[in-house]
């Protein structure tokens, strides 16, 4: 889980830093990797399968365009 924590915090640090703009590829690399961890979680903790599936769906539905809009509002 250390890998997940590092990836998750790195993504949010960059996402929330007004001086950093992730490229589309970087953004989706993060979201897909985080979604993949949800799959691993479902295998490790079968009782959390539904929660993990919902988390995976949420991460895969993240939009780069929404991210860009949020970055524009950070600059204001």
PDB file of N, CA and C in Angstrom:
ATOM      1  N   UNK A   1       0.818  -1.208   0.000  1.00  0.00           N
ATOM      2  CA  UNK A   1       0.000   0.000   0.000  1.00  0.00           C
ATOM      3  C   UNK A   1       0.857   1.265   0.000  1.00  0.00           C
ATOM      4  N   UNK A   2       2.151   1.114   0.285  1.00  0.00           N
ATOM      5  CA  UNK A   2       3.024   2.280   0.248  1.00  0.00           C
ATOM      6  C   UNK A   2       3.047   2.892  -1.146  1.00  0.00           C
ATOM      7  N   UNK A   3       3.053   2.009  -2.164  1.00  0.00           N
ATOM      8  CA  UNK A   3       3.048   2.495  -3.550  1.00  0.00           C
ATOM      9  C   UNK A   3       1.797   3.317  -3.818  1.00  0.00           C
ATOM     10  N   UNK A   4       0.663   2.803  -3.368  1.00  0.00           N
ATOM     11  CA  UNK A   4      -0.592   3.519  -3.581  1.00  0.00           C
ATOM     12  C   UNK A   4      -0.566   4.875  -2.884  1.00  0.00           C
ATOM     13  N   UNK A   5      -0.147   4.889  -1.621  1.00  0.00           N
ATOM     14  CA  UNK A   5      -0.094   6.144  -0.871  1.00  0.00           C
ATOM     15  C   UNK A   5       0.788   7.166  -1.565  1.00  0.00           C
ATOM     16  N   UNK A   6       1.956   6.724  -2.015  1.00  0.00           N
ATOM     17  CA  UNK A   6       2.888   7.635  -2.690  1.00  0.00           C
ATOM     18  C   UNK A   6       2.280   8.162  -3.986  1.00  0.00           C
ATOM     19  N   UNK A   7       1.684   7.275  -4.763  1.00  0.00           N
ATOM     20  CA  UNK A   7       1.061   7.670  -6.028  1.00  0.00           C
ATOM     21  C   UNK A   7      -0.097   8.634  -5.788  1.00  0.00           C
ATOM     22  N   UNK A   8      -0.941   8.298  -4.838  1.00  0.00           N
ATOM     23  CA  UNK A   8      -2.118   9.105  -4.521  1.00  0.00           C
ATOM     24  C   UNK A   8      -1.712  10.512  -4.063  1.00  0.00           C
ATOM     25  N   UNK A   9      -0.773  10.584  -3.137  1.00  0.00           N
ATOM     26  CA  UNK A   9      -0.362  11.890  -2.618  1.00  0.00           C
ATOM     27  C   UNK A   9       0.414  12.697  -3.652  1.00  0.00           C
ATOM     28  N   UNK A  10       1.188  12.016  -4.484  1.00  0.00           N
ATOM     29  CA  UNK A  10       1.899  12.708  -5.556  1.00  0.00           C
ATOM     30  C   UNK A  10       0.899  13.323  -6.540  1.00  0.00           C
ATOM     31  N   UNK A  11      -0.114  12.543  -6.903  1.00  0.00           N
ATOM     32  CA  UNK A  11      -1.142  13.039  -7.817  1.00  0.00           C
ATOM     33  C   UNK A  11      -1.858  14.259  -7.232  1.00  0.00           C
ATOM     34  N   UNK A  12      -2.304  14.160  -5.999  1.00  0.00           N
ATOM     35  CA  UNK A  12      -3.042  15.274  -5.408  1.00  0.00           C
ATOM     36  C   UNK A  12      -2.154  16.491  -5.151  1.00  0.00           C
ATOM     37  N   UNK A  13      -0.898  16.258  -4.838  1.00  0.00           N
ATOM     38  CA  UNK A  13       0.021  17.393  -4.665  1.00  0.00           C
ATOM     39  C   UNK A  13       0.160  18.161  -5.971  1.00  0.00           C
ATOM     40  N   UNK A  14       0.347  17.423  -7.056  1.00  0.00           N
ATOM     41  CA  UNK A  14       0.497  18.067  -8.363  1.00  0.00           C
ATOM     42  C   UNK A  14      -0.825  18.660  -8.841  1.00  0.00           C
ATOM     43  N   UNK A  15      -1.905  17.932  -8.613  1.00  0.00           N
ATOM     44  CA  UNK A  15      -3.223  18.394  -9.061  1.00  0.00           C
ATOM     45  C   UNK A  15      -3.614  19.700  -8.366  1.00  0.00           C
ATOM     46  N   UNK A  16      -3.265  19.829  -7.112  1.00  0.00           N
ATOM     47  CA  UNK A  16      -3.673  20.997  -6.332  1.00  0.00           C
ATOM     48  C   UNK A  16      -2.644  22.119  -6.315  1.00  0.00           C
ATOM     49  N   UNK A  17      -1.497  21.899  -6.914  1.00  0.00           N
ATOM     50  CA  UNK A  17      -0.459  22.929  -6.972  1.00  0.00           C
ATOM     51  C   UNK A  17      -0.747  23.845  -8.164  1.00  0.00           C
ATOM     52  N   UNK A  18      -1.025  25.130  -7.914  1.00  0.00           N
ATOM     53  CA  UNK A  18      -1.366  26.040  -9.017  1.00  0.00           C
ATOM     54  C   UNK A  18      -0.209  26.283  -9.987  1.00  0.00           C
ATOM     55  N   UNK A  19       1.007  25.918  -9.594  1.00  0.00           N
ATOM     56  CA  UNK A  19       2.171  26.131 -10.461  1.00  0.00           C
ATOM     57  C   UNK A  19       2.483  24.933 -11.349  1.00  0.00           C
ATOM     58  N   UNK A  20       1.763  23.848 -11.164  1.00  0.00           N
ATOM     59  CA  UNK A  20       2.002  22.631 -11.951  1.00  0.00           C
ATOM     60  C   UNK A  20       0.766  22.317 -12.786  1.00  0.00           C
ATOM     61  N   UNK A  21       0.999  22.078 -14.080  1.00  0.00           N
ATOM     62  CA  UNK A  21      -0.074  21.653 -14.976  1.00  0.00           C
ATOM     63  C   UNK A  21       0.308  20.304 -15.561  1.00  0.00           C
ATOM     64  N   UNK A  22      -0.436  19.282 -15.183  1.00  0.00           N
ATOM     65  CA  UNK A  22      -0.184  17.950 -15.717  1.00  0.00           C
ATOM     66  C   UNK A  22      -0.597  17.897 -17.186  1.00  0.00           C
ATOM     67  N   UNK A  23       0.159  17.145 -17.965  1.00  0.00           N
ATOM     68  CA  UNK A  23      -0.262  16.912 -19.341  1.00  0.00           C
ATOM     69  C   UNK A  23      -1.421  15.916 -19.314  1.00  0.00           C
ATOM     70  N   UNK A  24      -2.094  15.797 -20.420  1.00  0.00           N
ATOM     71  CA  UNK A  24      -3.215  14.853 -20.499  1.00  0.00           C
ATOM     72  C   UNK A  24      -2.732  13.429 -20.217  1.00  0.00           C
ATOM     73  N   UNK A  25      -1.576  13.087 -20.758  1.00  0.00           N
ATOM     74  CA  UNK A  25      -1.030  11.742 -20.547  1.00  0.00           C
ATOM     75  C   UNK A  25      -0.676  11.532 -19.079  1.00  0.00           C
ATOM     76  N   UNK A  26      -0.035  12.509 -18.457  1.00  0.00           N
ATOM     77  CA  UNK A  26       0.307  12.392 -17.028  1.00  0.00           C
ATOM     78  C   UNK A  26      -0.955  12.238 -16.188  1.00  0.00           C
ATOM     79  N   UNK A  27      -1.954  13.061 -16.467  1.00  0.00           N
ATOM     80  CA  UNK A  27      -3.208  13.020 -15.713  1.00  0.00           C
ATOM     81  C   UNK A  27      -3.835  11.627 -15.789  1.00  0.00           C
ATOM     82  N   UNK A  28      -3.971  11.104 -17.011  1.00  0.00           N
ATOM     83  CA  UNK A  28      -4.607   9.794 -17.152  1.00  0.00           C
ATOM     84  C   UNK A  28      -3.725   8.653 -16.658  1.00  0.00           C
ATOM     85  N   UNK A  29      -2.411   8.806 -16.725  1.00  0.00           N
ATOM     86  CA  UNK A  29      -1.529   7.786 -16.127  1.00  0.00           C
ATOM     87  C   UNK A  29      -1.803   7.663 -14.633  1.00  0.00           C
ATOM     88  N   UNK A  30      -1.929   8.794 -13.968  1.00  0.00           N
ATOM     89  CA  UNK A  30      -2.235   8.763 -12.530  1.00  0.00           C
ATOM     90  C   UNK A  30      -3.598   8.121 -12.274  1.00  0.00           C
ATOM     91  N   UNK A  31      -4.635   8.585 -12.966  1.00  0.00           N
ATOM     92  CA  UNK A  31      -5.978   8.087 -12.658  1.00  0.00           C
ATOM     93  C   UNK A  31      -6.120   6.601 -12.963  1.00  0.00           C
ATOM     94  N   UNK A  32      -5.510   6.134 -14.048  1.00  0.00           N
ATOM     95  CA  UNK A  32      -5.597   4.709 -14.381  1.00  0.00           C
ATOM     96  C   UNK A  32      -4.815   3.871 -13.372  1.00  0.00           C
ATOM     97  N   UNK A  33      -3.640   4.346 -12.971  1.00  0.00           N
ATOM     98  CA  UNK A  33      -2.869   3.602 -11.964  1.00  0.00           C
ATOM     99  C   UNK A  33      -3.608   3.527 -10.634  1.00  0.00           C
ATOM    100  N   UNK A  34      -4.232   4.620 -10.234  1.00  0.00           N
ATOM    101  CA  UNK A  34      -4.989   4.612  -8.983  1.00  0.00           C
ATOM    102  C   UNK A  34      -6.192   3.676  -9.101  1.00  0.00           C
ATOM    103  N   UNK A  35      -6.851   3.688 -10.252  1.00  0.00           N
ATOM    104  CA  UNK A  35      -7.977   2.771 -10.474  1.00  0.00           C
ATOM    105  C   UNK A  35      -7.511   1.314 -10.403  1.00  0.00           C
ATOM    106  N   UNK A  36      -6.325   1.043 -10.909  1.00  0.00           N
ATOM    107  CA  UNK A  36      -5.775  -0.310 -10.873  1.00  0.00           C
ATOM    108  C   UNK A  36      -5.561  -0.774  -9.436  1.00  0.00           C
ATOM    109  N   UNK A  37      -5.161   0.132  -8.569  1.00  0.00           N
ATOM    110  CA  UNK A  37      -5.017  -0.221  -7.162  1.00  0.00           C
ATOM    111  C   UNK A  37      -6.365  -0.632  -6.563  1.00  0.00           C
ATOM    112  N   UNK A  38      -7.454  -0.055  -7.044  1.00  0.00           N
ATOM    113  CA  UNK A  38      -8.779  -0.454  -6.560  1.00  0.00           C
ATOM    114  C   UNK A  38      -9.052  -1.918  -6.890  1.00  0.00           C
ATOM    115  N   UNK A  39      -8.613  -2.350  -8.080  1.00  0.00           N
ATOM    116  CA  UNK A  39      -8.750  -3.763  -8.447  1.00  0.00           C
ATOM    117  C   UNK A  39      -7.956  -4.651  -7.492  1.00  0.00           C
ATOM    118  N   UNK A  40      -6.742  -4.231  -7.193  1.00  0.00           N
ATOM    119  CA  UNK A  40      -5.907  -5.005  -6.263  1.00  0.00           C
ATOM    120  C   UNK A  40      -6.571  -5.084  -4.896  1.00  0.00           C
ATOM    121  N   UNK A  41      -7.138  -3.980  -4.465  1.00  0.00           N
ATOM    122  CA  UNK A  41      -7.813  -3.930  -3.177  1.00  0.00           C
ATOM    123  C   UNK A  41      -8.978  -4.923  -3.132  1.00  0.00           C
ATOM    124  N   UNK A  42      -9.711  -5.014  -4.223  1.00  0.00           N
ATOM    125  CA  UNK A  42     -10.841  -5.953  -4.290  1.00  0.00           C
ATOM    126  C   UNK A  42     -10.371  -7.392  -4.149  1.00  0.00           C
ATOM    127  N   UNK A  43      -9.197  -7.695  -4.699  1.00  0.00           N
ATOM    128  CA  UNK A  43      -8.664  -9.056  -4.582  1.00  0.00           C
ATOM    129  C   UNK A  43      -8.142  -9.337  -3.170  1.00  0.00           C
ATOM    130  N   UNK A  44      -7.559  -8.326  -2.556  1.00  0.00           N
ATOM    131  CA  UNK A  44      -7.036  -8.510  -1.201  1.00  0.00           C
ATOM    132  C   UNK A  44      -8.139  -8.555  -0.149  1.00  0.00           C
ATOM    133  N   UNK A  45      -9.178  -7.770  -0.378  1.00  0.00           N
ATOM    134  CA  UNK A  45     -10.284  -7.661   0.586  1.00  0.00           C
ATOM    135  C   UNK A  45     -11.617  -7.893  -0.137  1.00  0.00           C
ATOM    136  N   UNK A  46     -11.963  -9.143  -0.364  1.00  0.00           N
ATOM    137  CA  UNK A  46     -13.181  -9.446  -1.124  1.00  0.00           C
ATOM    138  C   UNK A  46     -14.448  -8.809  -0.551  1.00  0.00           C
ATOM    139  N   UNK A  47     -14.485  -8.580   0.762  1.00  0.00           N
ATOM    140  CA  UNK A  47     -15.669  -7.959   1.360  1.00  0.00           C
ATOM    141  C   UNK A  47     -15.796  -6.490   0.945  1.00  0.00           C
ATOM    142  N   UNK A  48     -14.725  -5.922   0.401  1.00  0.00           N
ATOM    143  CA  UNK A  48     -14.748  -4.531  -0.061  1.00  0.00           C
ATOM    144  C   UNK A  48     -14.884  -4.435  -1.589  1.00  0.00           C
ATOM    145  N   UNK A  49     -15.294  -5.529  -2.199  1.00  0.00           N
ATOM    146  CA  UNK A  49     -15.351  -5.604  -3.661  1.00  0.00           C
ATOM    147  C   UNK A  49     -16.219  -4.506  -4.281  1.00  0.00           C
ATOM    148  N   UNK A  50     -17.385  -4.252  -3.715  1.00  0.00           N
ATOM    149  CA  UNK A  50     -18.290  -3.236  -4.274  1.00  0.00           C
ATOM    150  C   UNK A  50     -17.714  -1.835  -4.131  1.00  0.00           C
ATOM    151  N   UNK A  51     -17.130  -1.554  -2.983  1.00  0.00           N
ATOM    152  CA  UNK A  51     -16.513  -0.240  -2.752  1.00  0.00           C
ATOM    153  C   UNK A  51     -15.350  -0.047  -3.722  1.00  0.00           C
ATOM    154  N   UNK A  52     -14.530  -1.075  -3.876  1.00  0.00           N
ATOM    155  CA  UNK A  52     -13.386  -0.999  -4.785  1.00  0.00           C
ATOM    156  C   UNK A  52     -13.844  -0.791  -6.223  1.00  0.00           C
ATOM    157  N   UNK A  53     -14.913  -1.475  -6.616  1.00  0.00           N
ATOM    158  CA  UNK A  53     -15.432  -1.311  -7.980  1.00  0.00           C
ATOM    159  C   UNK A  53     -15.939   0.109  -8.207  1.00  0.00           C
ATOM    160  N   UNK A  54     -16.598   0.680  -7.214  1.00  0.00           N
ATOM    161  CA  UNK A  54     -17.092   2.058  -7.323  1.00  0.00           C
ATOM    162  C   UNK A  54     -15.922   3.043  -7.393  1.00  0.00           C
ATOM    163  N   UNK A  55     -14.905   2.809  -6.559  1.00  0.00           N
ATOM    164  CA  UNK A  55     -13.717   3.670  -6.596  1.00  0.00           C
ATOM    165  C   UNK A  55     -13.033   3.598  -7.957  1.00  0.00           C
ATOM    166  N   UNK A  56     -12.921   2.401  -8.493  1.00  0.00           N
ATOM    167  CA  UNK A  56     -12.298   2.233  -9.814  1.00  0.00           C
ATOM    168  C   UNK A  56     -13.089   3.006 -10.863  1.00  0.00           C
ATOM    169  N   UNK A  57     -14.402   2.862 -10.830  1.00  0.00           N
ATOM    170  CA  UNK A  57     -15.262   3.566 -11.790  1.00  0.00           C
ATOM    171  C   UNK A  57     -15.096   5.084 -11.656  1.00  0.00           C
ATOM    172  N   UNK A  58     -15.046   5.570 -10.426  1.00  0.00           N
ATOM    173  CA  UNK A  58     -14.863   7.008 -10.200  1.00  0.00           C
ATOM    174  C   UNK A  58     -13.538   7.504 -10.758  1.00  0.00           C
ATOM    175  N   UNK A  59     -12.463   6.757 -10.523  1.00  0.00           N
ATOM    176  CA  UNK A  59     -11.156   7.180 -11.019  1.00  0.00           C
ATOM    177  C   UNK A  59     -11.090   7.142 -12.538  1.00  0.00           C
ATOM    178  N   UNK A  60     -11.709   6.127 -13.133  1.00  0.00           N
ATOM    179  CA  UNK A  60     -11.674   6.032 -14.592  1.00  0.00           C
ATOM    180  C   UNK A  60     -12.563   7.076 -15.263  1.00  0.00           C
ATOM    181  N   UNK A  61     -13.481   7.654 -14.511  1.00  0.00           N
ATOM    182  CA  UNK A  61     -14.362   8.676 -15.087  1.00  0.00           C
ATOM    183  C   UNK A  61     -13.815  10.096 -14.886  1.00  0.00           C
ATOM    184  N   UNK A  62     -12.650  10.225 -14.228  1.00  0.00           N
ATOM    185  CA  UNK A  62     -12.028  11.545 -14.060  1.00  0.00           C
ATOM    186  C   UNK A  62     -11.788  12.158 -15.444  1.00  0.00           C
ATOM    187  N   UNK A  63     -12.063  13.432 -15.556  1.00  0.00           N
ATOM    188  CA  UNK A  63     -11.974  14.120 -16.842  1.00  0.00           C
ATOM    189  C   UNK A  63     -10.825  15.128 -16.848  1.00  0.00           C
ATOM    190  N   UNK A  64     -10.004  15.057 -17.880  1.00  0.00           N
ATOM    191  CA  UNK A  64      -8.907  16.008 -18.015  1.00  0.00           C
ATOM    192  C   UNK A  64      -9.446  17.419 -18.228  1.00  0.00           C
ATOM    193  N   UNK A  65     -10.552  17.528 -18.934  1.00  0.00           N
ATOM    194  CA  UNK A  65     -11.151  18.840 -19.177  1.00  0.00           C
ATOM    195  C   UNK A  65     -11.621  19.469 -17.860  1.00  0.00           C
ATOM    196  N   UNK A  66     -12.204  18.662 -16.981  1.00  0.00           N
ATOM    197  CA  UNK A  66     -12.600  19.167 -15.655  1.00  0.00           C
ATOM    198  C   UNK A  66     -11.371  19.604 -14.858  1.00  0.00           C
ATOM    199  N   UNK A  67     -10.312  18.825 -14.987  1.00  0.00           N
ATOM    200  CA  UNK A  67      -9.059  19.174 -14.313  1.00  0.00           C
ATOM    201  C   UNK A  67      -8.550  20.538 -14.806  1.00  0.00           C
ATOM    202  N   UNK A  68      -8.576  20.744 -16.110  1.00  0.00           N
ATOM    203  CA  UNK A  68      -8.113  22.018 -16.666  1.00  0.00           C
ATOM    204  C   UNK A  68      -8.973  23.188 -16.170  1.00  0.00           C
ATOM    205  N   UNK A  69     -10.271  22.963 -16.085  1.00  0.00           N
ATOM    206  CA  UNK A  69     -11.163  23.998 -15.571  1.00  0.00           C
ATOM    207  C   UNK A  69     -10.831  24.318 -14.109  1.00  0.00           C
ATOM    208  N   UNK A  70     -10.558  23.301 -13.324  1.00  0.00           N
ATOM    209  CA  UNK A  70     -10.232  23.536 -11.918  1.00  0.00           C
ATOM    210  C   UNK A  70      -8.890  24.268 -11.801  1.00  0.00           C
ATOM    211  N   UNK A  71      -7.955  23.973 -12.693  1.00  0.00           N
ATOM    212  CA  UNK A  71      -6.675  24.679 -12.673  1.00  0.00           C
ATOM    213  C   UNK A  71      -6.862  26.148 -13.033  1.00  0.00           C
ATOM    214  N   UNK A  72      -7.738  26.422 -13.980  1.00  0.00           N
ATOM    215  CA  UNK A  72      -8.013  27.813 -14.373  1.00  0.00           C
ATOM    216  C   UNK A  72      -8.602  28.584 -13.198  1.00  0.00           C
ATOM    217  N   UNK A  73      -9.464  27.947 -12.437  1.00  0.00           N
ATOM    218  CA  UNK A  73     -10.066  28.636 -11.291  1.00  0.00           C
ATOM    219  C   UNK A  73      -9.066  28.810 -10.149  1.00  0.00           C
ATOM    220  N   UNK A  74      -8.048  27.957 -10.074  1.00  0.00           N
ATOM    221  CA  UNK A  74      -6.998  28.103  -9.050  1.00  0.00           C
ATOM    222  C   UNK A  74      -6.175  29.361  -9.307  1.00  0.00           C
ATOM    223  N   UNK A  75      -6.010  29.698 -10.565  1.00  0.00           N
ATOM    224  CA  UNK A  75      -5.176  30.851 -10.932  1.00  0.00           C
ATOM    225  C   UNK A  75      -5.851  32.172 -10.601  1.00  0.00           C
ATOM    226  N   UNK A  76      -7.177  32.161 -10.460  1.00  0.00           N
ATOM    227  CA  UNK A  76      -7.922  33.402 -10.230  1.00  0.00           C
ATOM    228  C   UNK A  76      -7.774  33.892  -8.816  1.00  0.00           C
TER     229      UNK A  76
END
